[in-house]
Amino acid sequence: MSQTQDRPALLILDVFNTFDFPGGDALYRHALPAVDRIRRLRERFHRKRLPVIFVNDLLGHWEYGFDQLVDHVAASGPHGMSMVRALKPDERDLRLLKPRHSAFFETALPSLLHHLETRQIVVTGIAGDSCVLCTVLDAYVRGFEAIVPTDATASQTVERNDRVLAHLRETCAVRTPASADVLPD
């Protein structure tokens, strides 16, 4: 593996959400601490000039581009606005929309990671037991090394999130360190 392929890319999944669904309030409550850790991890990736890639569900709005989706979420109410305030992408961040759970399914992510010459991804975001799980499983079958920081993902309950992290460790040899241990300063 070349030295560039050893450099990780940070994936931030589905943080821009209206939380307007059954269980949305619970997911939002569990996501708040994770969002702060994602923000700090993103800052470390920026300082080291490593790629940060937002991949977000298009929430049924096929007509939107990424920035339009973020604006929609910001206008959706206090939950959406707080997520946008915490993590709104800037000019350094790459952005992709996805139609389904996995960040790899029908997106340009595989081509983008090939262009970036990386085989290692740090996967963060919500929901751990859905989109994070599907993305990591797809990464595994494609030969990517995935790292999922335990405190930078959230599900509707702590138990659900813990179960999926254990499953990924056991079945895919995914490392699950604390976010502070990923790219320490």
Foldseek 3Di string as FASTA:
>chain_A
DDPLQAAEAEEAEALQDLLPDVLSVLQLVLQVQLLLLVLVLVVLCVVVVHAYEYEYEQVPCPVDDPVVSLVVSCPSDDSNVVSCVSDPDDPRYHYWYDHAQASPPPTCVVVVCVVSNYQEYEYAYPDQLTNVLRNLVVSLVVRGAYEYALSNHHHSDNVSNVVSVVVCCVPRVHHHHHSCPPSPD
